[in-house]
Amino acid sequence: MFFMIGVTLSIHPASIIVGTNTYIESQNKWTRWNSYIIFVLILFVMDLFLTNAIYLAFYDIYGNLKNIGHLGVDFMDVFFSESFQVVVAVLFLLVVFQVLGLVDVAHGERNLSFYYSQVEAPPSWMERYMESEKGSLGASIIGLLYMLWMTKRSMWTYIVCVVWFKVLAMLVNVLVSPVINRIMHTNNELATHVILDPYIISYVLAGFLWGHVALHHDLSKAYRLAKSVVIPLVPRLSVLVGAVLFIGLSLAIIFVPITWDVVVDVLTSK
C-alpha cells in the first residue's frame, strides 16, 4: 500500500516538473533501472541501520523500562507531555488545511515553476553533473537524489505524515515488545517484535522513485495519469486519514491524560 502511495506521488505536478529536468529521456532502460535498484537498496540499508540504531539507543537509555528513575532528562516524558502533543496536533491540523487547499505554506509548485523559468538561475551541482554526464549511470543516480531534494517543499505534508508514522511504529514496537517477551517467557529481554512496520519511508520512496523511472521518460503517459480523477486522490485521502488519526491520538494523550509514568506502570506490571 505504501509503495503504491509513493507511485501516485510521482505523478504529482511538482514531481513531473522536477522529473522533466533530470535528463531521464537521455538514459536507456537498463541505466534507469540499474540506478533505481542501487539507489533504493542504499536507502533501505540506511533506513535499516537508522531504525536499529534507534532501537538500541532506546534500550541503552531506558534499560528496557527498568531505569526510568535514573534519568535526568526523560525524552519519553517530554513526548507524552501535553505541550508537545499540542504542537503535534497543531502541526497535523495544518497538514489537513494544506491538503484541503485552505492554506499554502510552502508554495512548492509555484517556487519550482519560478526556479525553472529563471533564465540566469545558476544551476546546482546536481544539475551540472546530470547535464555533463547525460545518459551515464552516475547521472541517473544523481537524478534520483535530485528528485527527492527538489520535491521536498511540495511534498512536506506527506513527509511529515510518513516520518511521524515511523516514529510511532518504532515507539509501539519497543514498548510492547517487553510485554510480549514476558508473556512468551523469552529470555532475550531486548528482542524487538515488529508490531507496526517501521520501514514505511523506504516503501514510499521506493514507490515514488519507481514512478519517476517508469513514467517521467514518457511525459504523455505521466500527464494522462495525472489528469485522472481517482489516482491523485489516493495520497491525499491517505494523508487526511493519517493526519486525523494523529490528531485524535494527540488529543487522547492530552485529555485522558496519558503520561509516561502511566505507560511504564501498565507495561511493567505483572
C-alpha atoms as a PDB file:
ATOM      1  CA  MET A   1       0.000   0.000   0.000  1.00  0.00           C
ATOM      2  CA  PHE A   2       2.732   2.468   0.963  1.00  0.00           C
ATOM      3  CA  PHE A   3       4.631   1.612  -2.215  1.00  0.00           C
ATOM      4  CA  MET A   4       1.563   2.468  -4.308  1.00  0.00           C
ATOM      5  CA  ILE A   5       1.111   5.754  -2.437  1.00  0.00           C
ATOM      6  CA  GLY A   6       4.683   6.607  -3.441  1.00  0.00           C
ATOM      7  CA  VAL A   7       3.896   5.724  -7.063  1.00  0.00           C
ATOM      8  CA  THR A   8       0.882   8.037  -7.086  1.00  0.00           C
ATOM      9  CA  LEU A   9       3.042  10.827  -5.631  1.00  0.00           C
ATOM     10  CA  SER A  10       5.342  10.525  -8.636  1.00  0.00           C
ATOM     11  CA  ILE A  11       2.594  11.989 -10.845  1.00  0.00           C
ATOM     12  CA  HIS A  12       2.123  14.953  -8.527  1.00  0.00           C
ATOM     13  CA  PRO A  13       2.587  18.194 -10.551  1.00  0.00           C
ATOM     14  CA  ALA A  14       5.785  19.037  -8.676  1.00  0.00           C
ATOM     15  CA  SER A  15       7.178  15.544  -9.343  1.00  0.00           C
ATOM     16  CA  ILE A  16       6.562  15.848 -13.081  1.00  0.00           C
ATOM     17  CA  ILE A  17       8.120  19.337 -13.160  1.00  0.00           C
ATOM     18  CA  VAL A  18      11.293  18.059 -11.496  1.00  0.00           C
ATOM     19  CA  GLY A  19      11.313  14.760 -13.398  1.00  0.00           C
ATOM     20  CA  THR A  20      11.441  16.526 -16.747  1.00  0.00           C
ATOM     21  CA  ASN A  21      14.634  18.289 -15.647  1.00  0.00           C
ATOM     22  CA  THR A  22      16.629  15.151 -14.781  1.00  0.00           C
ATOM     23  CA  TYR A  23      17.534  14.328 -18.421  1.00  0.00           C
ATOM     24  CA  ILE A  24      15.852  10.968 -17.917  1.00  0.00           C
ATOM     25  CA  GLU A  25      14.933  10.839 -21.628  1.00  0.00           C
ATOM     26  CA  SER A  26      18.662  10.521 -22.448  1.00  0.00           C
ATOM     27  CA  GLN A  27      19.028   7.343 -20.347  1.00  0.00           C
ATOM     28  CA  ASN A  28      18.338   3.882 -21.698  1.00  0.00           C
ATOM     29  CA  LYS A  29      16.110   1.423 -19.864  1.00  0.00           C
ATOM     30  CA  TRP A  30      18.943  -0.567 -18.263  1.00  0.00           C
ATOM     31  CA  THR A  31      20.648   2.548 -16.937  1.00  0.00           C
ATOM     32  CA  ARG A  32      17.419   3.828 -15.407  1.00  0.00           C
ATOM     33  CA  TRP A  33      16.516   0.590 -13.666  1.00  0.00           C
ATOM     34  CA  ASN A  34      20.045  -0.279 -12.541  1.00  0.00           C
ATOM     35  CA  SER A  35      20.380   3.138 -10.907  1.00  0.00           C
ATOM     36  CA  TYR A  36      16.951   2.666  -9.311  1.00  0.00           C
ATOM     37  CA  ILE A  37      17.906  -0.697  -7.800  1.00  0.00           C
ATOM     38  CA  ILE A  38      21.224   0.643  -6.475  1.00  0.00           C
ATOM     39  CA  PHE A  39      19.678   3.805  -5.021  1.00  0.00           C
ATOM     40  CA  VAL A  40      16.715   2.041  -3.380  1.00  0.00           C
ATOM     41  CA  LEU A  41      18.991  -0.600  -1.843  1.00  0.00           C
ATOM     42  CA  ILE A  42      21.164   2.168  -0.373  1.00  0.00           C
ATOM     43  CA  LEU A  43      18.058   3.897   1.017  1.00  0.00           C
ATOM     44  CA  PHE A  44      16.770   0.687   2.576  1.00  0.00           C
ATOM     45  CA  VAL A  45      20.118  -0.159   4.179  1.00  0.00           C
ATOM     46  CA  MET A  46      20.306   3.368   5.628  1.00  0.00           C
ATOM     47  CA  ASP A  47      16.732   3.071   6.932  1.00  0.00           C
ATOM     48  CA  LEU A  48      17.522  -0.353   8.410  1.00  0.00           C
ATOM     49  CA  PHE A  49      20.632   0.901  10.229  1.00  0.00           C
ATOM     50  CA  LEU A  50      18.847   4.040  11.466  1.00  0.00           C
ATOM     51  CA  THR A  51      15.887   2.066  12.787  1.00  0.00           C
ATOM     52  CA  ASN A  52      18.021  -0.478  14.613  1.00  0.00           C
ATOM     53  CA  ALA A  53      20.285   2.260  15.995  1.00  0.00           C
ATOM     54  CA  ILE A  54      17.210   3.956  17.494  1.00  0.00           C
ATOM     55  CA  TYR A  55      16.065   0.646  18.995  1.00  0.00           C
ATOM     56  CA  LEU A  56      19.489   0.112  20.569  1.00  0.00           C
ATOM     57  CA  ALA A  57      19.590   3.688  21.850  1.00  0.00           C
ATOM     58  CA  PHE A  58      16.170   3.264  23.448  1.00  0.00           C
ATOM     59  CA  TYR A  59      17.189   0.090  25.252  1.00  0.00           C
ATOM     60  CA  ASP A  60      20.521   1.619  26.245  1.00  0.00           C
ATOM     61  CA  ILE A  61      18.855   4.716  27.727  1.00  0.00           C
ATOM     62  CA  TYR A  62      15.820   3.104  29.318  1.00  0.00           C
ATOM     63  CA  GLY A  63      17.229  -0.303  30.157  1.00  0.00           C
ATOM     64  CA  ASN A  64      14.099  -1.970  28.809  1.00  0.00           C
ATOM     65  CA  LEU A  65      11.886   0.252  31.035  1.00  0.00           C
ATOM     66  CA  LYS A  66      13.776  -0.569  34.241  1.00  0.00           C
ATOM     67  CA  ASN A  67      15.993   2.504  34.705  1.00  0.00           C
ATOM     68  CA  ILE A  68      13.420   5.249  34.343  1.00  0.00           C
ATOM     69  CA  GLY A  69      14.098   6.772  37.747  1.00  0.00           C
ATOM     70  CA  HIS A  70      17.799   7.283  36.994  1.00  0.00           C
ATOM     71  CA  LEU A  71      17.286   9.617  34.041  1.00  0.00           C
ATOM     72  CA  GLY A  72      17.974  13.333  34.425  1.00  0.00           C
ATOM     73  CA  VAL A  73      16.145  14.271  31.226  1.00  0.00           C
ATOM     74  CA  ASP A  74      13.378  11.903  30.187  1.00  0.00           C
ATOM     75  CA  PHE A  75      12.690  12.267  26.474  1.00  0.00           C
ATOM     76  CA  MET A  76       9.667   9.992  26.658  1.00  0.00           C
ATOM     77  CA  ASP A  77       8.210  12.154  29.405  1.00  0.00           C
ATOM     78  CA  VAL A  78       8.524  15.098  27.001  1.00  0.00           C
ATOM     79  CA  PHE A  79       6.875  13.048  24.239  1.00  0.00           C
ATOM     80  CA  PHE A  80       3.830  12.302  26.399  1.00  0.00           C
ATOM     81  CA  SER A  81       3.599  15.866  27.755  1.00  0.00           C
ATOM     82  CA  GLU A  82       0.555  17.983  26.931  1.00  0.00           C
ATOM     83  CA  SER A  83       2.584  20.834  25.449  1.00  0.00           C
ATOM     84  CA  PHE A  84       4.369  18.549  22.976  1.00  0.00           C
ATOM     85  CA  GLN A  85       1.129  16.883  21.928  1.00  0.00           C
ATOM     86  CA  VAL A  86      -0.491  20.294  21.391  1.00  0.00           C
ATOM     87  CA  VAL A  87       2.336  21.123  18.961  1.00  0.00           C
ATOM     88  CA  VAL A  88       1.772  17.780  17.197  1.00  0.00           C
ATOM     89  CA  ALA A  89      -1.981  18.375  16.936  1.00  0.00           C
ATOM     90  CA  VAL A  90      -1.483  21.887  15.523  1.00  0.00           C
ATOM     91  CA  LEU A  91       1.081  20.592  13.001  1.00  0.00           C
ATOM     92  CA  PHE A  92      -1.267  17.935  11.649  1.00  0.00           C
ATOM     93  CA  LEU A  93      -4.171  20.373  11.641  1.00  0.00           C
ATOM     94  CA  LEU A  94      -2.001  22.481   9.339  1.00  0.00           C
ATOM     95  CA  VAL A  95      -1.386  19.360   7.231  1.00  0.00           C
ATOM     96  CA  VAL A  96      -5.157  18.892   6.882  1.00  0.00           C
ATOM     97  CA  PHE A  97      -5.621  22.524   5.830  1.00  0.00           C
ATOM     98  CA  GLN A  98      -2.786  22.201   3.285  1.00  0.00           C
ATOM     99  CA  VAL A  99      -4.208  19.048   1.719  1.00  0.00           C
ATOM    100  CA  LEU A 100      -7.693  20.598   1.544  1.00  0.00           C
ATOM    101  CA  GLY A 101      -6.226  23.624  -0.202  1.00  0.00           C
ATOM    102  CA  LEU A 102      -7.186  26.078   2.553  1.00  0.00           C
ATOM    103  CA  VAL A 103      -3.569  27.224   3.035  1.00  0.00           C
ATOM    104  CA  ASP A 104      -0.347  27.065   1.024  1.00  0.00           C
ATOM    105  CA  VAL A 105       2.521  27.045   3.469  1.00  0.00           C
ATOM    106  CA  ALA A 106       5.498  26.031   1.317  1.00  0.00           C
ATOM    107  CA  HIS A 107       4.403  27.333  -2.143  1.00  0.00           C
ATOM    108  CA  GLY A 108       6.044  24.229  -3.615  1.00  0.00           C
ATOM    109  CA  GLU A 109       4.774  24.181  -7.215  1.00  0.00           C
ATOM    110  CA  ARG A 110       4.961  27.955  -7.556  1.00  0.00           C
ATOM    111  CA  ASN A 111       8.566  28.072  -6.376  1.00  0.00           C
ATOM    112  CA  LEU A 112       9.542  25.206  -8.671  1.00  0.00           C
ATOM    113  CA  SER A 113       7.976  26.904 -11.702  1.00  0.00           C
ATOM    114  CA  PHE A 114       9.759  30.133 -10.829  1.00  0.00           C
ATOM    115  CA  TYR A 115      13.062  28.298 -10.315  1.00  0.00           C
ATOM    116  CA  TYR A 116      12.999  26.645 -13.743  1.00  0.00           C
ATOM    117  CA  SER A 117      11.709  29.756 -15.519  1.00  0.00           C
ATOM    118  CA  GLN A 118      14.693  31.879 -14.412  1.00  0.00           C
ATOM    119  CA  VAL A 119      16.908  32.295 -17.435  1.00  0.00           C
ATOM    120  CA  GLU A 120      20.012  33.230 -15.467  1.00  0.00           C
ATOM    121  CA  ALA A 121      19.485  30.986 -12.444  1.00  0.00           C
ATOM    122  CA  PRO A 122      22.813  29.350 -11.511  1.00  0.00           C
ATOM    123  CA  PRO A 123      22.494  25.533 -11.748  1.00  0.00           C
ATOM    124  CA  SER A 124      23.148  23.408  -8.704  1.00  0.00           C
ATOM    125  CA  TRP A 125      25.977  20.864  -8.604  1.00  0.00           C
ATOM    126  CA  MET A 126      23.457  18.097  -9.261  1.00  0.00           C
ATOM    127  CA  GLU A 127      22.112  19.868 -12.349  1.00  0.00           C
ATOM    128  CA  ARG A 128      25.626  20.484 -13.665  1.00  0.00           C
ATOM    129  CA  TYR A 129      26.571  16.840 -13.141  1.00  0.00           C
ATOM    130  CA  MET A 130      23.410  15.486 -14.792  1.00  0.00           C
ATOM    131  CA  GLU A 131      23.956  17.730 -17.805  1.00  0.00           C
ATOM    132  CA  SER A 132      27.652  16.938 -18.212  1.00  0.00           C
ATOM    133  CA  GLU A 133      27.209  13.163 -17.713  1.00  0.00           C
ATOM    134  CA  LYS A 134      23.964  12.657 -19.642  1.00  0.00           C
ATOM    135  CA  GLY A 135      22.986   9.028 -20.054  1.00  0.00           C
ATOM    136  CA  SER A 136      25.511   7.669 -17.534  1.00  0.00           C
ATOM    137  CA  LEU A 137      24.727   5.532 -14.500  1.00  0.00           C
ATOM    138  CA  GLY A 138      26.139   8.187 -12.170  1.00  0.00           C
ATOM    139  CA  ALA A 139      23.929  10.897 -13.678  1.00  0.00           C
ATOM    140  CA  SER A 140      20.913   8.613 -13.301  1.00  0.00           C
ATOM    141  CA  ILE A 141      21.652   8.025  -9.605  1.00  0.00           C
ATOM    142  CA  ILE A 142      22.139  11.752  -9.015  1.00  0.00           C
ATOM    143  CA  GLY A 143      18.841  12.299 -10.843  1.00  0.00           C
ATOM    144  CA  LEU A 144      17.069  10.158  -8.251  1.00  0.00           C
ATOM    145  CA  LEU A 145      18.658  12.176  -5.449  1.00  0.00           C
ATOM    146  CA  TYR A 146      17.647  15.348  -7.291  1.00  0.00           C
ATOM    147  CA  MET A 147      14.031  14.121  -7.412  1.00  0.00           C
ATOM    148  CA  LEU A 148      13.933  13.746  -3.640  1.00  0.00           C
ATOM    149  CA  TRP A 149      15.684  17.039  -2.928  1.00  0.00           C
ATOM    150  CA  MET A 150      13.727  19.293  -5.261  1.00  0.00           C
ATOM    151  CA  THR A 151      10.263  17.995  -4.369  1.00  0.00           C
ATOM    152  CA  LYS A 152      10.637  18.228  -0.581  1.00  0.00           C
ATOM    153  CA  ARG A 153       8.767  21.540  -0.251  1.00  0.00           C
ATOM    154  CA  SER A 154       5.821  20.372  -2.340  1.00  0.00           C
ATOM    155  CA  MET A 155       5.679  17.045  -0.514  1.00  0.00           C
ATOM    156  CA  TRP A 156       6.085  18.347   3.039  1.00  0.00           C
ATOM    157  CA  THR A 157       2.656  17.116   4.174  1.00  0.00           C
ATOM    158  CA  TYR A 158       3.423  13.573   3.054  1.00  0.00           C
ATOM    159  CA  ILE A 159       6.926  13.725   4.538  1.00  0.00           C
ATOM    160  CA  VAL A 160       5.561  14.794   7.934  1.00  0.00           C
ATOM    161  CA  CYS A 161       2.968  12.007   7.980  1.00  0.00           C
ATOM    162  CA  VAL A 162       5.412   9.295   6.887  1.00  0.00           C
ATOM    163  CA  VAL A 163       8.099  10.325   9.385  1.00  0.00           C
ATOM    164  CA  TRP A 164       5.589  10.562  12.241  1.00  0.00           C
ATOM    165  CA  PHE A 165       4.164   7.124  11.395  1.00  0.00           C
ATOM    166  CA  LYS A 166       7.693   5.716  11.523  1.00  0.00           C
ATOM    167  CA  VAL A 167       8.279   7.332  14.935  1.00  0.00           C
ATOM    168  CA  LEU A 168       5.025   5.910  16.310  1.00  0.00           C
ATOM    169  CA  ALA A 169       5.706   2.485  14.773  1.00  0.00           C
ATOM    170  CA  MET A 170       9.123   2.266  16.434  1.00  0.00           C
ATOM    171  CA  LEU A 171       7.673   3.504  19.727  1.00  0.00           C
ATOM    172  CA  VAL A 172       4.935   0.870  19.677  1.00  0.00           C
ATOM    173  CA  ASN A 173       7.467  -1.843  18.815  1.00  0.00           C
ATOM    174  CA  VAL A 174       9.880  -1.039  21.649  1.00  0.00           C
ATOM    175  CA  LEU A 175       7.151  -0.502  24.245  1.00  0.00           C
ATOM    176  CA  VAL A 176       5.031  -3.568  23.527  1.00  0.00           C
ATOM    177  CA  SER A 177       7.925  -5.981  22.857  1.00  0.00           C
ATOM    178  CA  PRO A 178       8.864  -6.429  26.574  1.00  0.00           C
ATOM    179  CA  VAL A 179       5.266  -7.399  27.323  1.00  0.00           C
ATOM    180  CA  ILE A 180       5.272  -9.976  24.510  1.00  0.00           C
ATOM    181  CA  ASN A 181       8.630 -11.328  25.693  1.00  0.00           C
ATOM    182  CA  ARG A 182       7.282 -11.668  29.224  1.00  0.00           C
ATOM    183  CA  ILE A 183       4.120 -13.456  28.050  1.00  0.00           C
ATOM    184  CA  MET A 184       6.165 -15.783  25.826  1.00  0.00           C
ATOM    185  CA  HIS A 185       8.701 -16.342  28.667  1.00  0.00           C
ATOM    186  CA  THR A 186      11.515 -15.239  26.370  1.00  0.00           C
ATOM    187  CA  ASN A 187      14.912 -14.786  27.983  1.00  0.00           C
ATOM    188  CA  ASN A 188      16.031 -12.170  25.455  1.00  0.00           C
ATOM    189  CA  GLU A 189      14.537  -9.061  27.026  1.00  0.00           C
ATOM    190  CA  LEU A 190      15.899  -6.819  24.264  1.00  0.00           C
ATOM    191  CA  ALA A 191      14.182  -8.670  21.406  1.00  0.00           C
ATOM    192  CA  THR A 192      12.075  -6.223  19.390  1.00  0.00           C
ATOM    193  CA  HIS A 193       8.940  -7.516  17.717  1.00  0.00           C
ATOM    194  CA  VAL A 194       7.538  -5.893  14.590  1.00  0.00           C
ATOM    195  CA  ILE A 195       4.017  -4.899  15.590  1.00  0.00           C
ATOM    196  CA  LEU A 196       3.969  -1.959  13.173  1.00  0.00           C
ATOM    197  CA  ASP A 197       6.340  -1.986  10.185  1.00  0.00           C
ATOM    198  CA  PRO A 198       8.830   0.872  10.748  1.00  0.00           C
ATOM    199  CA  TYR A 199      10.237   0.862   7.214  1.00  0.00           C
ATOM    200  CA  ILE A 200       7.441   2.942   5.716  1.00  0.00           C
ATOM    201  CA  ILE A 201       9.885   5.620   4.491  1.00  0.00           C
ATOM    202  CA  SER A 202      11.714   3.062   2.347  1.00  0.00           C
ATOM    203  CA  TYR A 203       8.459   1.788   0.852  1.00  0.00           C
ATOM    204  CA  VAL A 204       7.133   5.232  -0.030  1.00  0.00           C
ATOM    205  CA  LEU A 205      10.439   6.421  -1.502  1.00  0.00           C
ATOM    206  CA  ALA A 206      10.807   3.195  -3.476  1.00  0.00           C
ATOM    207  CA  GLY A 207       7.354   3.720  -4.973  1.00  0.00           C
ATOM    208  CA  PHE A 208       7.983   7.411  -5.637  1.00  0.00           C
ATOM    209  CA  LEU A 209      11.252   6.737  -7.469  1.00  0.00           C
ATOM    210  CA  TRP A 210       9.732   3.772  -9.308  1.00  0.00           C
ATOM    211  CA  GLY A 211       7.090   6.104 -10.685  1.00  0.00           C
ATOM    212  CA  HIS A 212       9.789   8.563 -11.729  1.00  0.00           C
ATOM    213  CA  VAL A 213      11.778   5.897 -13.576  1.00  0.00           C
ATOM    214  CA  ALA A 214       8.752   4.241 -15.146  1.00  0.00           C
ATOM    215  CA  LEU A 215       6.737   7.319 -16.118  1.00  0.00           C
ATOM    216  CA  HIS A 216       8.767  10.514 -16.422  1.00  0.00           C
ATOM    217  CA  HIS A 217      10.612   9.479 -19.572  1.00  0.00           C
ATOM    218  CA  ASP A 218       7.206   9.412 -21.287  1.00  0.00           C
ATOM    219  CA  LEU A 219       5.512  12.709 -20.409  1.00  0.00           C
ATOM    220  CA  SER A 220       2.318  11.913 -22.287  1.00  0.00           C
ATOM    221  CA  LYS A 221       1.774   8.880 -20.050  1.00  0.00           C
ATOM    222  CA  ALA A 222       2.597  10.828 -16.887  1.00  0.00           C
ATOM    223  CA  TYR A 223       0.259  13.711 -17.729  1.00  0.00           C
ATOM    224  CA  ARG A 224      -2.510  11.297 -18.747  1.00  0.00           C
ATOM    225  CA  LEU A 225      -2.340   9.598 -15.344  1.00  0.00           C
ATOM    226  CA  ALA A 226      -2.094  12.946 -13.570  1.00  0.00           C
ATOM    227  CA  LYS A 227      -5.350  14.087 -15.208  1.00  0.00           C
ATOM    228  CA  SER A 228      -7.296  11.096 -13.917  1.00  0.00           C
ATOM    229  CA  VAL A 229      -9.639  11.717 -11.012  1.00  0.00           C
ATOM    230  CA  VAL A 230      -9.017   8.663  -8.826  1.00  0.00           C
ATOM    231  CA  ILE A 231      -5.209   8.285  -8.788  1.00  0.00           C
ATOM    232  CA  PRO A 232      -4.306  11.739  -7.379  1.00  0.00           C
ATOM    233  CA  LEU A 233      -6.920  11.267  -4.632  1.00  0.00           C
ATOM    234  CA  VAL A 234      -5.157   8.215  -3.150  1.00  0.00           C
ATOM    235  CA  PRO A 235      -2.242  10.050  -1.451  1.00  0.00           C
ATOM    236  CA  ARG A 236      -4.479  12.958  -0.423  1.00  0.00           C
ATOM    237  CA  LEU A 237      -7.000  10.680   1.268  1.00  0.00           C
ATOM    238  CA  SER A 238      -4.185   8.703   2.910  1.00  0.00           C
ATOM    239  CA  VAL A 239      -2.687  11.878   4.362  1.00  0.00           C
ATOM    240  CA  LEU A 240      -6.072  13.156   5.516  1.00  0.00           C
ATOM    241  CA  VAL A 241      -6.908   9.890   7.271  1.00  0.00           C
ATOM    242  CA  GLY A 242      -3.436   9.683   8.819  1.00  0.00           C
ATOM    243  CA  ALA A 243      -3.467  13.313   9.979  1.00  0.00           C
ATOM    244  CA  VAL A 244      -6.915  12.909  11.573  1.00  0.00           C
ATOM    245  CA  LEU A 245      -5.756   9.760  13.398  1.00  0.00           C
ATOM    246  CA  PHE A 246      -2.600  11.502  14.622  1.00  0.00           C
ATOM    247  CA  ILE A 247      -4.648  14.469  15.846  1.00  0.00           C
ATOM    248  CA  GLY A 248      -7.007  12.084  17.617  1.00  0.00           C
ATOM    249  CA  LEU A 249      -4.089  10.308  19.314  1.00  0.00           C
ATOM    250  CA  SER A 250      -2.635  13.634  20.487  1.00  0.00           C
ATOM    251  CA  LEU A 251      -5.996  14.743  21.865  1.00  0.00           C
ATOM    252  CA  ALA A 252      -6.370  11.413  23.667  1.00  0.00           C
ATOM    253  CA  ILE A 253      -2.977  11.854  25.338  1.00  0.00           C
ATOM    254  CA  ILE A 254      -3.898  15.420  26.304  1.00  0.00           C
ATOM    255  CA  PHE A 255      -7.380  14.827  27.699  1.00  0.00           C
ATOM    256  CA  VAL A 256      -7.190  11.333  29.255  1.00  0.00           C
ATOM    257  CA  PRO A 257      -4.367  12.186  30.290  1.00  0.00           C
ATOM    258  CA  ILE A 258      -1.779   9.565  29.314  1.00  0.00           C
ATOM    259  CA  THR A 259       1.626  10.203  30.888  1.00  0.00           C
ATOM    260  CA  TRP A 260       4.893   8.340  30.514  1.00  0.00           C
ATOM    261  CA  ASP A 261       4.654   7.138  34.136  1.00  0.00           C
ATOM    262  CA  VAL A 262       1.248   5.615  33.412  1.00  0.00           C
ATOM    263  CA  VAL A 263       2.615   3.876  30.310  1.00  0.00           C
ATOM    264  CA  VAL A 264       5.557   2.438  32.264  1.00  0.00           C
ATOM    265  CA  ASP A 265       3.263   1.203  35.075  1.00  0.00           C
ATOM    266  CA  VAL A 266       0.992  -0.558  32.594  1.00  0.00           C
ATOM    267  CA  LEU A 267       3.831  -2.159  30.612  1.00  0.00           C
ATOM    268  CA  THR A 268       5.876  -3.298  33.634  1.00  0.00           C
ATOM    269  CA  SER A 269       3.001  -4.641  35.725  1.00  0.00           C
ATOM    270  CA  LYS A 270       2.947  -8.417  36.003  1.00  0.00           C
END
